[in-house]
């Protein structure tokens, strides 16, 4: 898809990248909903160290033959945005906000994993949204809960809730607030042993997954294979890609797949020797 868009952009530089968005907009205007199947992959935390790669390394994927996709539901897009600022620019997704009561449905509590990138984003997203949108961004209609709610938010920029309570804390012996005890839950936990340190991930295994993906998904389709190799050759024959850089990439591609590396090297050298 990316390759096709890049090729189209050469002809239509100002419009090609917006084509998928325009397609969905037109379909939704005609009453056609866009629908995707929603699946997840799971792993038992006890098995995390049993693989040849680190499952929490964000540069790796979880192979579907070893971690089967589990259907959860569907994601349906059936309505176009009517006010771009209020419904798109003001929206605030954050991985640190967990839906209350999820344990009642799944018989367990959803929580953040030890994924290093996720842990940093759980803080950074909400922090950035307070700066980008405003202190009380969660009170905006696009971000607030759809069900009745009561909290102790008090004052601050853009707080349009009118409260006649004297206190903004709980519990209070001064006056009754409309609170109720939340269902008691236990967060997920697992034992950690060792020394906390900052270092490179030891199990990198940088080339196996790339090779598996090439052989199983690309190499079996000759047309797709030619497009893929043509894309590699096109940027490796750019003037800024000198011989030192090319030799480095020849090595990388051969580590991914020996035949792929050989074909790329032959075609790049043929193209640059003219």
Protein backbone atom coordinates (compact mmCIF):
# COMPACT_ATOMS: atom_id res chain seq x y z
CA UNK A 1 0.00 0.00 0.00
CA UNK A 2 2.79 2.40 0.95
CA UNK A 3 4.65 1.64 -2.26
CA UNK A 4 1.54 2.30 -4.37
CA UNK A 5 0.94 5.60 -2.57
CA UNK A 6 4.56 6.64 -3.13
CA UNK A 7 4.23 5.87 -6.83
CA UNK A 8 0.95 7.78 -7.03
CA UNK A 9 2.46 10.72 -5.17
CA UNK A 10 4.95 11.22 -8.00
CA UNK A 11 2.01 11.97 -10.28
CA UNK A 12 -0.30 13.63 -7.76
CA UNK A 13 1.96 15.05 -5.05
CA UNK A 14 -0.68 17.26 -3.41
CA UNK A 15 -3.54 14.77 -3.31
CA UNK A 16 -2.27 11.19 -3.35
CA UNK A 17 -1.59 10.85 0.37
CA UNK A 18 -5.14 12.03 1.13
CA UNK A 19 -6.77 9.47 -1.18
CA UNK A 20 -7.54 6.81 1.49
CA UNK A 21 -9.09 9.48 3.75
CA UNK A 22 -11.20 10.81 0.89
CA UNK A 23 -12.34 7.29 0.03
CA UNK A 24 -13.58 6.62 3.56
CA UNK A 25 -15.22 10.05 3.77
CA UNK A 26 -17.18 9.44 0.59
CA UNK A 27 -18.19 5.94 1.68
CA UNK A 28 -19.45 7.15 5.04
CA UNK A 29 -21.40 9.98 3.41
CA UNK A 30 -23.12 7.34 1.27
CA UNK A 31 -24.09 5.38 4.38
CA UNK A 32 -21.48 2.62 4.00
CA UNK A 33 -19.78 1.71 7.26
CA UNK A 34 -16.12 0.66 7.36
CA UNK A 35 -15.55 -2.43 9.46
CA UNK A 36 -12.46 -4.17 10.83
CA UNK A 37 -12.08 -7.33 12.90
CA UNK A 38 -10.43 -6.64 16.25
CA UNK A 39 -8.04 -9.28 17.56
CA UNK A 40 -5.49 -9.43 20.36
CA UNK A 41 -2.45 -11.57 21.14
CA UNK A 42 -1.66 -12.69 24.68
CA UNK A 43 1.25 -14.27 26.48
CA UNK A 44 1.57 -15.75 29.94
CA UNK A 45 4.01 -13.52 31.89
CA UNK A 46 5.58 -16.68 33.27
CA UNK A 47 6.70 -17.60 29.73
CA UNK A 48 8.32 -14.26 28.93
CA UNK A 49 11.91 -15.51 29.22
CA UNK A 50 11.32 -18.70 27.25
CA UNK A 51 11.65 -17.17 23.78
CA UNK A 52 14.67 -16.36 21.64
CA UNK A 53 13.58 -12.71 21.59
CA UNK A 54 12.25 -10.32 24.21
CA UNK A 55 8.43 -10.15 23.81
CA UNK A 56 8.49 -6.64 25.30
CA UNK A 57 11.01 -5.40 22.72
CA UNK A 58 8.95 -2.99 20.59
CA UNK A 59 11.09 -3.65 17.51
CA UNK A 60 9.77 -7.23 17.39
CA UNK A 61 6.41 -8.73 16.44
CA UNK A 62 4.75 -11.75 17.99
CA UNK A 63 4.56 -14.42 15.24
CA UNK A 64 0.95 -15.39 14.75
CA UNK A 65 1.74 -19.10 14.46
CA UNK A 66 3.11 -19.01 18.02
CA UNK A 67 0.79 -16.35 19.45
CA UNK A 68 -2.55 -16.90 17.69
CA UNK A 69 -4.84 -13.95 17.06
CA UNK A 70 -7.81 -14.05 19.42
CA UNK A 71 -11.01 -12.34 18.24
CA UNK A 72 -12.37 -9.71 20.58
CA UNK A 73 -14.95 -7.93 18.46
CA UNK A 74 -15.26 -5.44 15.63
CA UNK A 75 -14.21 -1.85 15.10
CA UNK A 76 -16.81 0.02 13.06
CA UNK A 77 -16.49 3.48 11.55
CA UNK A 78 -19.95 4.67 10.52
CA UNK A 79 -19.97 8.47 10.97
CA UNK A 80 -17.89 11.30 9.57
CA UNK A 81 -16.55 14.03 11.81
CA UNK A 82 -18.89 17.04 11.73
CA UNK A 83 -16.66 19.49 13.61
CA UNK A 84 -12.97 18.77 13.09
CA UNK A 85 -11.71 20.87 16.00
CA UNK A 86 -14.14 19.54 18.61
CA UNK A 87 -14.24 15.91 17.48
CA UNK A 88 -10.73 15.32 16.16
CA UNK A 89 -8.19 17.89 17.33
CA UNK A 90 -9.58 17.91 20.89
CA UNK A 91 -9.74 14.16 21.34
CA UNK A 92 -7.32 12.73 23.90
CA UNK A 93 -6.45 9.05 23.92
CA UNK A 94 -4.12 7.88 26.68
CA UNK A 95 -2.89 4.34 27.43
CA UNK A 96 -2.76 5.19 31.14
CA UNK A 97 -6.54 5.52 31.42
CA UNK A 98 -8.21 2.19 32.10
CA UNK A 99 -11.96 1.72 31.91
CA UNK A 100 -13.36 1.30 35.42
CA UNK A 101 -15.13 -2.00 36.03
CA UNK A 102 -13.36 -3.99 33.34
CA UNK A 103 -12.58 -6.65 35.96
CA UNK A 104 -16.31 -7.37 36.23
CA UNK A 105 -16.35 -8.46 32.59
CA UNK A 106 -13.00 -10.19 32.16
CA UNK A 107 -12.67 -11.61 35.69
CA UNK A 108 -9.28 -9.92 35.90
CA UNK A 109 -7.93 -6.39 35.94
CA UNK A 110 -6.44 -4.85 32.81
CA UNK A 111 -3.22 -3.06 33.56
CA UNK A 112 -0.10 -1.87 31.79
CA UNK A 113 2.58 -4.41 30.98
CA UNK A 114 6.30 -3.87 31.58
CA UNK A 115 6.73 -2.75 27.99
CA UNK A 116 9.24 0.09 28.31
CA UNK A 117 7.61 2.19 25.60
CA UNK A 118 4.14 1.72 27.05
CA UNK A 119 5.30 2.67 30.55
CA UNK A 120 6.73 5.97 29.30
CA UNK A 121 3.62 6.73 27.25
CA UNK A 122 1.29 6.08 30.17
CA UNK A 123 2.71 9.25 31.70
CA UNK A 124 3.65 11.25 28.62
CA UNK A 125 0.30 11.17 26.78
CA UNK A 126 -1.77 12.68 29.59
CA UNK A 127 0.99 15.17 30.37
CA UNK A 128 1.12 16.33 26.75
CA UNK A 129 -2.67 16.59 26.53
CA UNK A 130 -2.85 18.89 29.56
CA UNK A 131 -0.43 21.16 27.71
CA UNK A 132 -1.98 20.77 24.25
CA UNK A 133 -5.68 20.96 25.15
CA UNK A 134 -5.92 22.28 28.71
CA UNK A 135 -5.98 21.25 32.34
CA UNK A 136 -9.52 19.91 32.27
CA UNK A 137 -9.39 18.24 28.88
CA UNK A 138 -11.23 15.20 30.25
CA UNK A 139 -14.34 17.37 30.78
CA UNK A 140 -14.72 18.11 27.06
CA UNK A 141 -17.72 16.29 25.52
CA UNK A 142 -15.50 14.21 23.22
CA UNK A 143 -13.43 12.95 26.19
CA UNK A 144 -15.88 12.71 29.08
CA UNK A 145 -17.66 9.45 30.02
CA UNK A 146 -20.96 8.72 28.33
CA UNK A 147 -22.50 7.52 31.60
CA UNK A 148 -23.31 9.73 34.64
CA UNK A 149 -20.19 10.45 36.69
CA UNK A 150 -19.05 12.37 39.72
CA UNK A 151 -15.52 13.34 40.63
CA UNK A 152 -13.62 15.80 42.76
CA UNK A 153 -12.25 17.92 39.93
CA UNK A 154 -12.24 21.49 41.12
CA UNK A 155 -11.58 24.76 39.32
CA UNK A 156 -8.68 25.07 36.89
CA UNK A 157 -8.63 26.38 33.34
CA UNK A 158 -11.72 25.45 31.26
CA UNK A 159 -13.56 23.78 34.13
CA UNK A 160 -17.19 24.36 33.17
CA UNK A 161 -18.68 22.10 35.87
CA UNK A 162 -20.79 24.08 38.36
CA UNK A 163 -20.47 22.49 41.81
CA UNK A 164 -22.10 23.74 44.98
CA UNK A 165 -20.17 21.46 47.31
CA UNK A 166 -17.83 22.96 49.89
CA UNK A 167 -15.32 20.17 49.69
CA UNK A 168 -13.39 18.59 46.85
CA UNK A 169 -12.03 15.61 48.70
CA UNK A 170 -13.27 12.34 50.09
CA UNK A 171 -14.09 11.14 52.67
CA UNK A 172 -15.47 14.27 54.35
CA UNK A 173 -17.12 14.81 57.70
CA UNK A 174 -18.15 18.34 56.72
CA UNK A 175 -20.76 17.45 54.15
CA UNK A 176 -21.96 14.42 52.27
CA UNK A 177 -20.58 13.98 48.79
CA UNK A 178 -22.10 11.72 46.18
CA UNK A 179 -19.40 9.12 46.40
CA UNK A 180 -19.51 5.38 46.78
CA UNK A 181 -16.80 2.88 47.47
CA UNK A 182 -15.24 1.46 44.34
CA UNK A 183 -15.07 -2.28 43.88
CA UNK A 184 -11.89 -3.55 45.47
CA UNK A 185 -9.45 -5.00 42.96
CA UNK A 186 -5.92 -6.31 43.02
CA UNK A 187 -3.49 -5.07 40.39
CA UNK A 188 -1.51 -7.57 38.40
CA UNK A 189 1.90 -8.32 39.83
CA UNK A 190 4.88 -10.55 39.23
CA UNK A 191 8.13 -11.13 41.03
CA UNK A 192 11.22 -9.22 39.96
CA UNK A 193 14.74 -10.27 40.92
CA UNK A 194 18.03 -8.76 39.87
CA UNK A 195 19.74 -5.40 39.53
CA UNK A 196 17.93 -2.44 38.02
CA UNK A 197 20.07 -1.01 35.25
CA UNK A 198 19.89 0.84 31.96
CA UNK A 199 21.40 -1.18 29.13
CA UNK A 200 20.75 -2.58 25.68
CA UNK A 201 18.22 -5.40 25.33
CA UNK A 202 20.38 -8.58 25.41
CA UNK A 203 18.22 -10.75 23.13
CA UNK A 204 18.09 -8.61 20.01
CA UNK A 205 17.78 -11.28 17.27
CA UNK A 206 17.38 -8.48 14.74
CA UNK A 207 17.17 -10.44 11.49
CA UNK A 208 15.16 -13.63 12.05
CA UNK A 209 11.73 -12.03 12.09
CA UNK A 210 12.51 -9.94 9.03
CA UNK A 211 13.64 -13.06 7.16
CA UNK A 212 10.57 -15.05 8.21
CA UNK A 213 8.27 -12.27 7.07
CA UNK A 214 10.03 -11.96 3.72
CA UNK A 215 9.97 -15.70 3.00
CA UNK A 216 6.42 -16.32 4.20
CA UNK A 217 4.68 -13.18 3.00
CA UNK A 218 6.65 -11.55 0.18
CA UNK A 219 8.81 -14.13 -1.59
CA UNK A 220 5.84 -16.43 -2.33
CA UNK A 221 4.19 -13.72 -4.46
CA UNK A 222 6.42 -12.94 -7.44
CA UNK A 223 4.81 -9.57 -8.20
CA UNK A 224 5.01 -8.51 -4.60
CA UNK A 225 8.61 -9.69 -4.42
CA UNK A 226 9.54 -7.61 -7.48
CA UNK A 227 7.88 -4.49 -6.03
CA UNK A 228 9.69 -5.01 -2.73
CA UNK A 229 13.11 -5.50 -4.30
CA UNK A 230 12.52 -2.64 -6.73
CA UNK A 231 11.77 -0.34 -3.80
CA UNK A 232 15.03 -1.35 -2.07
CA UNK A 233 17.08 -0.92 -5.22
CA UNK A 234 15.55 2.49 -5.94
CA UNK A 235 16.79 4.07 -2.71
CA UNK A 236 20.09 2.15 -2.64
CA UNK A 237 20.97 3.63 -6.03
CA UNK A 238 20.38 7.19 -4.84
CA UNK A 239 23.52 9.38 -5.14
CA UNK A 240 23.63 9.97 -1.37
CA UNK A 241 23.84 6.23 -0.76
CA UNK A 242 27.58 5.79 -1.21
CA UNK A 243 29.53 2.54 -1.51
CA UNK A 244 30.22 2.30 2.23
CA UNK A 245 26.51 2.52 3.04
CA UNK A 246 25.64 0.06 0.28
CA UNK A 247 28.07 -2.53 1.59
CA UNK A 248 26.53 -2.20 5.03
CA UNK A 249 23.06 -2.77 3.59
CA UNK A 250 24.21 -5.72 1.48
CA UNK A 251 25.26 -7.33 4.76
CA UNK A 252 21.94 -6.49 6.42
CA UNK A 253 19.84 -7.94 3.59
CA UNK A 254 21.95 -11.12 3.47
CA UNK A 255 21.39 -11.57 7.20
CA UNK A 256 17.65 -11.25 6.58
CA UNK A 257 17.72 -13.73 3.69
CA UNK A 258 20.74 -14.91 1.69
CA UNK A 259 18.91 -15.00 -1.66
CA UNK A 260 17.35 -11.57 -1.08
CA UNK A 261 20.73 -10.07 -0.26
CA UNK A 262 22.31 -11.60 -3.35
CA UNK A 263 19.58 -10.29 -5.69
CA UNK A 264 19.69 -6.80 -4.18
CA UNK A 265 23.49 -6.61 -4.46
CA UNK A 266 23.46 -7.78 -8.09
CA UNK A 267 20.77 -5.31 -9.15
CA UNK A 268 22.27 -2.34 -7.30
CA UNK A 269 25.72 -2.99 -8.77
CA UNK A 270 24.24 -3.41 -12.24
CA UNK A 271 22.32 -0.15 -11.93
CA UNK A 272 25.25 1.86 -10.55
CA UNK A 273 27.85 0.57 -13.01
CA UNK A 274 26.12 2.06 -16.04
